[in-house]
Amino acid sequence: MNAASPRDNNRAATVLPCRIAIRATGAVELALAVLRQGGVVAYPTEHFYALACDPWNAAAVSRLFVVKGRPDNKPLLLGIADRAALTSLSSAVPDAARRLVEEWPQGVTLVVPAVSALPAGVTAGTGTVGVRLLPESFAAELIRTAGGALPATSANQSGAGATGDPDVVARLPGVDLLLDGGILPAGSWSTIVDVRATPWRVLREGQCPIAVVAGYGALAQG
């Protein structure tokens, strides 16, 4: 299968993604080619399929928003495969959050100050970025090979439910490539914690219990 140039936004409403199994020969290389050309790729995480593009390419980020129908005022969460990648995304990790970052419980997304080089579409103009460390998996392999960070927003239209079913994702118009990892095990979203100031704020409770996060630092009440 050869990577085609990303389809323009006018066709995004009608064109469905190419599809390849994640363990097929050349799957990662094909995904990288699509990403480098500014395309949108759907890939499996632990429990849901996610949409990715080159997070440093403002045009690609804008295209992902069109595919998803996502409001411009909602920032994108980024997935990383190694803790060291956080330094390329965040201008400063607060000292109080250092131990949390070093141990980084599974299923936690950290909101931290963003580097100025990230496109405004990633941060939605907030000056912050949400970052999640993914466990070792195909997703982590893809992210690592792609340069260390990729968007990890759910592969669905905004307002629709996230899915772990690749057949559902295959019906999402505008995606250039679907990396098919089969039906994913049921699970929940990550817990999102804003660690820019203490006490930390839990923005969304999910996979990681709040009690676990509280073991690393004080949490705001209410």
C-alpha atoms as a PDB file:
ATOM      1  CA  MET A   1       0.000   0.000   0.000  1.00  0.00           C
ATOM      2  CA  ASN A   2       1.359   3.423  -0.956  1.00  0.00           C
ATOM      3  CA  ALA A   3       0.757   6.560   1.077  1.00  0.00           C
ATOM      4  CA  ALA A   4      -1.256   9.117  -0.827  1.00  0.00           C
ATOM      5  CA  SER A   5      -1.172  12.829  -0.178  1.00  0.00           C
ATOM      6  CA  PRO A   6      -3.586  13.854   2.588  1.00  0.00           C
ATOM      7  CA  ARG A   7      -7.016  14.610   1.224  1.00  0.00           C
ATOM      8  CA  ASP A   8      -8.184  18.177   1.295  1.00  0.00           C
ATOM      9  CA  ASN A   9     -10.835  19.305   3.753  1.00  0.00           C
ATOM     10  CA  ASN A  10     -13.489  19.664   1.055  1.00  0.00           C
ATOM     11  CA  ARG A  11     -13.333  15.927   0.471  1.00  0.00           C
ATOM     12  CA  ALA A  12     -13.142  15.051   4.165  1.00  0.00           C
ATOM     13  CA  ALA A  13     -16.913  14.687   4.371  1.00  0.00           C
ATOM     14  CA  THR A  14     -17.010  11.825   1.862  1.00  0.00           C
ATOM     15  CA  VAL A  15     -13.667   9.993   1.789  1.00  0.00           C
ATOM     16  CA  LEU A  16     -13.192   7.105   4.210  1.00  0.00           C
ATOM     17  CA  PRO A  17      -9.800   5.965   5.512  1.00  0.00           C
ATOM     18  CA  CYS A  18      -7.426   3.407   4.074  1.00  0.00           C
ATOM     19  CA  ARG A  19      -7.047   0.536   6.544  1.00  0.00           C
ATOM     20  CA  ILE A  20      -4.097  -1.651   7.524  1.00  0.00           C
ATOM     21  CA  ALA A  21      -3.509  -4.061  10.405  1.00  0.00           C
ATOM     22  CA  ILE A  22      -1.066  -2.754  12.994  1.00  0.00           C
ATOM     23  CA  ARG A  23       1.225  -5.768  12.631  1.00  0.00           C
ATOM     24  CA  ALA A  24       1.191  -5.753   8.836  1.00  0.00           C
ATOM     25  CA  THR A  25       4.567  -5.205   7.212  1.00  0.00           C
ATOM     26  CA  GLY A  26       5.181  -1.507   6.742  1.00  0.00           C
ATOM     27  CA  ALA A  27       2.233  -0.313   8.868  1.00  0.00           C
ATOM     28  CA  VAL A  28       4.297   2.047  11.019  1.00  0.00           C
ATOM     29  CA  GLU A  29       6.252   3.329   8.012  1.00  0.00           C
ATOM     30  CA  LEU A  30       3.017   4.029   6.150  1.00  0.00           C
ATOM     31  CA  ALA A  31       1.615   5.886   9.153  1.00  0.00           C
ATOM     32  CA  LEU A  32       4.779   7.989   9.404  1.00  0.00           C
ATOM     33  CA  ALA A  33       4.532   8.886   5.725  1.00  0.00           C
ATOM     34  CA  VAL A  34       0.929  10.024   6.165  1.00  0.00           C
ATOM     35  CA  LEU A  35       1.818  12.058   9.259  1.00  0.00           C
ATOM     36  CA  ARG A  36       4.768  13.725   7.535  1.00  0.00           C
ATOM     37  CA  GLN A  37       2.472  14.785   4.691  1.00  0.00           C
ATOM     38  CA  GLY A  38       0.095  16.483   7.107  1.00  0.00           C
ATOM     39  CA  GLY A  39      -2.429  13.647   7.212  1.00  0.00           C
ATOM     40  CA  VAL A  40      -4.645  12.262   9.960  1.00  0.00           C
ATOM     41  CA  VAL A  41      -4.134   8.739  11.307  1.00  0.00           C
ATOM     42  CA  ALA A  42      -6.410   6.700  13.580  1.00  0.00           C
ATOM     43  CA  TYR A  43      -4.585   4.314  15.911  1.00  0.00           C
ATOM     44  CA  PRO A  44      -5.399   2.063  18.886  1.00  0.00           C
ATOM     45  CA  THR A  45      -4.562   3.069  22.453  1.00  0.00           C
ATOM     46  CA  GLU A  46      -5.382   0.935  25.507  1.00  0.00           C
ATOM     47  CA  HIS A  47      -9.171   1.133  25.297  1.00  0.00           C
ATOM     48  CA  PHE A  48     -10.135   3.548  22.526  1.00  0.00           C
ATOM     49  CA  TYR A  49      -9.011   4.491  19.043  1.00  0.00           C
ATOM     50  CA  ALA A  50      -7.363   7.903  18.814  1.00  0.00           C
ATOM     51  CA  LEU A  51      -6.684  10.438  16.070  1.00  0.00           C
ATOM     52  CA  ALA A  52      -3.184  11.709  15.423  1.00  0.00           C
ATOM     53  CA  CYS A  53      -1.426  14.218  13.231  1.00  0.00           C
ATOM     54  CA  ASP A  54       1.933  15.976  13.381  1.00  0.00           C
ATOM     55  CA  PRO A  55       1.432  18.161  16.488  1.00  0.00           C
ATOM     56  CA  TRP A  56       4.057  20.662  15.295  1.00  0.00           C
ATOM     57  CA  ASN A  57       2.311  21.207  11.947  1.00  0.00           C
ATOM     58  CA  ALA A  58      -0.366  23.879  12.413  1.00  0.00           C
ATOM     59  CA  ALA A  59      -2.115  22.978   9.153  1.00  0.00           C
ATOM     60  CA  ALA A  60      -2.250  19.301  10.132  1.00  0.00           C
ATOM     61  CA  VAL A  61      -3.660  20.212  13.549  1.00  0.00           C
ATOM     62  CA  SER A  62      -6.342  22.348  11.895  1.00  0.00           C
ATOM     63  CA  ARG A  63      -7.206  19.452   9.608  1.00  0.00           C
ATOM     64  CA  LEU A  64      -7.599  17.093  12.557  1.00  0.00           C
ATOM     65  CA  PHE A  65     -10.043  19.569  14.103  1.00  0.00           C
ATOM     66  CA  VAL A  66     -12.063  19.572  10.863  1.00  0.00           C
ATOM     67  CA  VAL A  67     -12.137  15.770  10.715  1.00  0.00           C
ATOM     68  CA  LYS A  68     -13.297  15.569  14.314  1.00  0.00           C
ATOM     69  CA  GLY A  69     -15.601  18.588  14.164  1.00  0.00           C
ATOM     70  CA  ARG A  70     -13.898  19.806  17.317  1.00  0.00           C
ATOM     71  CA  PRO A  71     -14.456  23.350  18.631  1.00  0.00           C
ATOM     72  CA  ASP A  72     -11.370  25.561  18.364  1.00  0.00           C
ATOM     73  CA  ASN A  73     -11.496  26.354  22.091  1.00  0.00           C
ATOM     74  CA  LYS A  74     -10.876  22.736  23.133  1.00  0.00           C
ATOM     75  CA  PRO A  75      -7.164  21.816  23.350  1.00  0.00           C
ATOM     76  CA  LEU A  76      -5.748  18.483  22.221  1.00  0.00           C
ATOM     77  CA  LEU A  77      -4.257  15.949  24.619  1.00  0.00           C
ATOM     78  CA  LEU A  78      -0.879  14.600  23.528  1.00  0.00           C
ATOM     79  CA  GLY A  79       0.408  11.112  24.107  1.00  0.00           C
ATOM     80  CA  ILE A  80       4.080  10.374  24.766  1.00  0.00           C
ATOM     81  CA  ALA A  81       5.979   7.102  25.051  1.00  0.00           C
ATOM     82  CA  ASP A  82       8.865   8.270  27.257  1.00  0.00           C
ATOM     83  CA  ARG A  83       8.987  10.699  30.179  1.00  0.00           C
ATOM     84  CA  ALA A  84      11.874  12.547  28.569  1.00  0.00           C
ATOM     85  CA  ALA A  85       9.549  13.733  25.793  1.00  0.00           C
ATOM     86  CA  LEU A  86       7.736  15.946  28.299  1.00  0.00           C
ATOM     87  CA  THR A  87      10.602  18.449  28.204  1.00  0.00           C
ATOM     88  CA  SER A  88       9.940  19.159  24.512  1.00  0.00           C
ATOM     89  CA  LEU A  89       6.284  19.959  25.237  1.00  0.00           C
ATOM     90  CA  SER A  90       6.355  21.755  28.575  1.00  0.00           C
ATOM     91  CA  SER A  91       8.180  24.969  29.356  1.00  0.00           C
ATOM     92  CA  ALA A  92       8.401  24.087  33.046  1.00  0.00           C
ATOM     93  CA  VAL A  93       7.256  21.154  35.154  1.00  0.00           C
ATOM     94  CA  PRO A  94       6.521  22.404  38.698  1.00  0.00           C
ATOM     95  CA  ASP A  95       8.846  21.003  41.346  1.00  0.00           C
ATOM     96  CA  ALA A  96       5.863  19.740  43.322  1.00  0.00           C
ATOM     97  CA  ALA A  97       4.951  17.464  40.412  1.00  0.00           C
ATOM     98  CA  ARG A  98       8.398  15.958  39.893  1.00  0.00           C
ATOM     99  CA  ARG A  99       7.718  12.724  41.772  1.00  0.00           C
ATOM    100  CA  LEU A 100       4.386  12.327  40.012  1.00  0.00           C
ATOM    101  CA  VAL A 101       6.151  12.672  36.653  1.00  0.00           C
ATOM    102  CA  GLU A 102       8.942  10.291  37.660  1.00  0.00           C
ATOM    103  CA  GLU A 103       6.504   7.563  38.690  1.00  0.00           C
ATOM    104  CA  TRP A 104       3.612   8.625  36.386  1.00  0.00           C
ATOM    105  CA  PRO A 105       0.768   6.272  37.318  1.00  0.00           C
ATOM    106  CA  GLN A 106      -0.950   4.660  34.353  1.00  0.00           C
ATOM    107  CA  GLY A 107      -4.085   6.432  33.196  1.00  0.00           C
ATOM    108  CA  VAL A 108      -3.064   9.963  34.240  1.00  0.00           C
ATOM    109  CA  THR A 109      -2.937  13.004  31.951  1.00  0.00           C
ATOM    110  CA  LEU A 110      -0.981  15.956  33.337  1.00  0.00           C
ATOM    111  CA  VAL A 111      -1.792  19.551  32.395  1.00  0.00           C
ATOM    112  CA  VAL A 112       1.422  21.576  32.366  1.00  0.00           C
ATOM    113  CA  PRO A 113       2.671  24.871  30.901  1.00  0.00           C
ATOM    114  CA  ALA A 114       3.203  24.466  27.142  1.00  0.00           C
ATOM    115  CA  VAL A 115       6.239  25.475  25.109  1.00  0.00           C
ATOM    116  CA  SER A 116       5.513  28.399  22.812  1.00  0.00           C
ATOM    117  CA  ALA A 117       6.420  26.393  19.697  1.00  0.00           C
ATOM    118  CA  LEU A 118       3.291  24.232  19.938  1.00  0.00           C
ATOM    119  CA  PRO A 119       0.619  25.372  17.468  1.00  0.00           C
ATOM    120  CA  ALA A 120      -2.241  27.332  19.003  1.00  0.00           C
ATOM    121  CA  GLY A 121      -4.612  24.598  17.883  1.00  0.00           C
ATOM    122  CA  VAL A 122      -2.954  22.130  20.274  1.00  0.00           C
ATOM    123  CA  THR A 123      -3.216  24.436  23.262  1.00  0.00           C
ATOM    124  CA  ALA A 124      -6.392  26.302  22.183  1.00  0.00           C
ATOM    125  CA  GLY A 125      -4.588  29.440  23.250  1.00  0.00           C
ATOM    126  CA  THR A 126      -4.489  28.391  26.909  1.00  0.00           C
ATOM    127  CA  GLY A 127      -0.711  28.258  27.192  1.00  0.00           C
ATOM    128  CA  THR A 128      -1.080  24.739  28.600  1.00  0.00           C
ATOM    129  CA  VAL A 129      -0.891  21.222  27.240  1.00  0.00           C
ATOM    130  CA  GLY A 130      -2.280  17.941  28.519  1.00  0.00           C
ATOM    131  CA  VAL A 131       0.191  15.060  28.277  1.00  0.00           C
ATOM    132  CA  ARG A 132      -0.315  11.344  28.899  1.00  0.00           C
ATOM    133  CA  LEU A 133       2.404   8.724  29.170  1.00  0.00           C
ATOM    134  CA  LEU A 134       1.226   5.620  27.325  1.00  0.00           C
ATOM    135  CA  PRO A 135       2.218   2.121  28.450  1.00  0.00           C
ATOM    136  CA  GLU A 136       4.367   0.001  26.168  1.00  0.00           C
ATOM    137  CA  SER A 137       2.137  -0.925  23.237  1.00  0.00           C
ATOM    138  CA  PHE A 138       1.750  -0.386  19.519  1.00  0.00           C
ATOM    139  CA  ALA A 139       0.661   3.179  20.282  1.00  0.00           C
ATOM    140  CA  ALA A 140       3.861   3.821  22.234  1.00  0.00           C
ATOM    141  CA  GLU A 141       5.920   2.357  19.387  1.00  0.00           C
ATOM    142  CA  LEU A 142       4.186   4.606  16.874  1.00  0.00           C
ATOM    143  CA  ILE A 143       4.591   7.709  19.050  1.00  0.00           C
ATOM    144  CA  ARG A 144       8.245   7.006  19.724  1.00  0.00           C
ATOM    145  CA  THR A 145       8.968   6.434  16.031  1.00  0.00           C
ATOM    146  CA  ALA A 146       7.033   9.563  15.052  1.00  0.00           C
ATOM    147  CA  GLY A 147       9.258  11.775  17.167  1.00  0.00           C
ATOM    148  CA  GLY A 148       8.012  11.411  20.724  1.00  0.00           C
ATOM    149  CA  ALA A 149       4.523  12.930  20.854  1.00  0.00           C
ATOM    150  CA  LEU A 150       1.228  12.584  18.985  1.00  0.00           C
ATOM    151  CA  PRO A 151      -2.310  13.789  19.624  1.00  0.00           C
ATOM    152  CA  ALA A 152      -4.379  11.172  21.437  1.00  0.00           C
ATOM    153  CA  THR A 153      -7.868  12.610  21.036  1.00  0.00           C
ATOM    154  CA  SER A 154     -10.610  10.026  20.568  1.00  0.00           C
ATOM    155  CA  ALA A 155     -11.386   8.874  17.024  1.00  0.00           C
ATOM    156  CA  ASN A 156     -14.953  10.105  16.784  1.00  0.00           C
ATOM    157  CA  GLN A 157     -16.929  13.175  15.877  1.00  0.00           C
ATOM    158  CA  SER A 158     -17.097  15.651  18.756  1.00  0.00           C
ATOM    159  CA  GLY A 159     -20.105  14.869  20.894  1.00  0.00           C
ATOM    160  CA  ALA A 160     -20.175  11.204  19.876  1.00  0.00           C
ATOM    161  CA  GLY A 161     -18.946   8.398  22.094  1.00  0.00           C
ATOM    162  CA  ALA A 162     -15.389   7.105  21.880  1.00  0.00           C
ATOM    163  CA  THR A 163     -14.984   3.607  20.501  1.00  0.00           C
ATOM    164  CA  GLY A 164     -12.666   0.620  20.655  1.00  0.00           C
ATOM    165  CA  ASP A 165     -14.212  -0.868  17.493  1.00  0.00           C
ATOM    166  CA  PRO A 166     -12.175  -0.331  14.312  1.00  0.00           C
ATOM    167  CA  ASP A 167     -15.248  -0.907  12.136  1.00  0.00           C
ATOM    168  CA  VAL A 168     -16.809   2.190  13.695  1.00  0.00           C
ATOM    169  CA  VAL A 169     -13.637   4.211  13.148  1.00  0.00           C
ATOM    170  CA  ALA A 170     -13.524   3.043   9.521  1.00  0.00           C
ATOM    171  CA  ARG A 171     -16.745   4.982   8.936  1.00  0.00           C
ATOM    172  CA  LEU A 172     -15.222   8.276  10.123  1.00  0.00           C
ATOM    173  CA  PRO A 173     -14.777  10.502   7.051  1.00  0.00           C
ATOM    174  CA  GLY A 174     -11.587  12.444   6.481  1.00  0.00           C
ATOM    175  CA  VAL A 175      -9.141  10.082   8.193  1.00  0.00           C
ATOM    176  CA  ASP A 176      -6.304   9.155   5.824  1.00  0.00           C
ATOM    177  CA  LEU A 177      -5.246   5.910   7.498  1.00  0.00           C
ATOM    178  CA  LEU A 178      -6.744   3.538  10.064  1.00  0.00           C
ATOM    179  CA  LEU A 179      -4.245   1.377  11.920  1.00  0.00           C
ATOM    180  CA  ASP A 180      -6.428  -1.588  12.805  1.00  0.00           C
ATOM    181  CA  GLY A 181      -5.661  -3.217  16.151  1.00  0.00           C
ATOM    182  CA  GLY A 182      -8.937  -5.109  16.368  1.00  0.00           C
ATOM    183  CA  ILE A 183     -11.548  -4.722  19.091  1.00  0.00           C
ATOM    184  CA  LEU A 184      -9.963  -3.087  22.131  1.00  0.00           C
ATOM    185  CA  PRO A 185     -10.643  -4.128  25.748  1.00  0.00           C
ATOM    186  CA  ALA A 186     -13.193  -2.071  27.639  1.00  0.00           C
ATOM    187  CA  GLY A 187     -11.875   0.635  29.911  1.00  0.00           C
ATOM    188  CA  SER A 188     -12.161   4.283  30.868  1.00  0.00           C
ATOM    189  CA  TRP A 189     -10.542   7.574  29.966  1.00  0.00           C
ATOM    190  CA  SER A 190      -7.488   8.920  31.713  1.00  0.00           C
ATOM    191  CA  THR A 191      -7.748  11.041  34.839  1.00  0.00           C
ATOM    192  CA  ILE A 192      -6.761  14.633  33.988  1.00  0.00           C
ATOM    193  CA  VAL A 193      -4.858  16.606  36.621  1.00  0.00           C
ATOM    194  CA  ASP A 194      -3.761  20.237  36.347  1.00  0.00           C
ATOM    195  CA  VAL A 195      -0.437  20.364  38.198  1.00  0.00           C
ATOM    196  CA  ARG A 196       0.592  23.934  37.350  1.00  0.00           C
ATOM    197  CA  ALA A 197      -0.086  25.123  40.889  1.00  0.00           C
ATOM    198  CA  THR A 198      -0.761  23.533  44.246  1.00  0.00           C
ATOM    199  CA  PRO A 199      -3.158  22.281  45.306  1.00  0.00           C
ATOM    200  CA  TRP A 200      -3.609  20.391  42.033  1.00  0.00           C
ATOM    201  CA  ARG A 201      -6.989  20.359  40.304  1.00  0.00           C
ATOM    202  CA  VAL A 202      -8.610  17.171  39.018  1.00  0.00           C
ATOM    203  CA  LEU A 203     -10.321  18.161  35.773  1.00  0.00           C
ATOM    204  CA  ARG A 204     -11.674  14.692  34.997  1.00  0.00           C
ATOM    205  CA  GLU A 205     -11.754  11.477  36.983  1.00  0.00           C
ATOM    206  CA  GLY A 206     -11.106   8.370  34.981  1.00  0.00           C
ATOM    207  CA  GLN A 207      -8.843   5.349  34.841  1.00  0.00           C
ATOM    208  CA  CYS A 208      -6.543   6.325  37.714  1.00  0.00           C
ATOM    209  CA  PRO A 209      -8.330   6.718  41.082  1.00  0.00           C
ATOM    210  CA  ILE A 210      -8.128  10.179  42.627  1.00  0.00           C
ATOM    211  CA  ALA A 211      -6.786   8.591  45.815  1.00  0.00           C
ATOM    212  CA  VAL A 212      -3.702   7.463  43.888  1.00  0.00           C
ATOM    213  CA  VAL A 213      -3.073  10.982  42.580  1.00  0.00           C
ATOM    214  CA  ALA A 214      -3.580  12.394  46.080  1.00  0.00           C
ATOM    215  CA  GLY A 215      -0.691  10.228  47.224  1.00  0.00           C
ATOM    216  CA  TYR A 216       1.624  12.466  45.227  1.00  0.00           C
ATOM    217  CA  GLY A 217       0.346  15.908  46.194  1.00  0.00           C
ATOM    218  CA  ALA A 218      -2.462  17.987  47.653  1.00  0.00           C
ATOM    219  CA  LEU A 219      -5.655  18.224  45.596  1.00  0.00           C
ATOM    220  CA  ALA A 220      -8.078  21.120  45.506  1.00  0.00           C
ATOM    221  CA  GLN A 221     -11.433  20.340  47.046  1.00  0.00           C
ATOM    222  CA  GLY A 222     -14.654  20.597  45.074  1.00  0.00           C
END
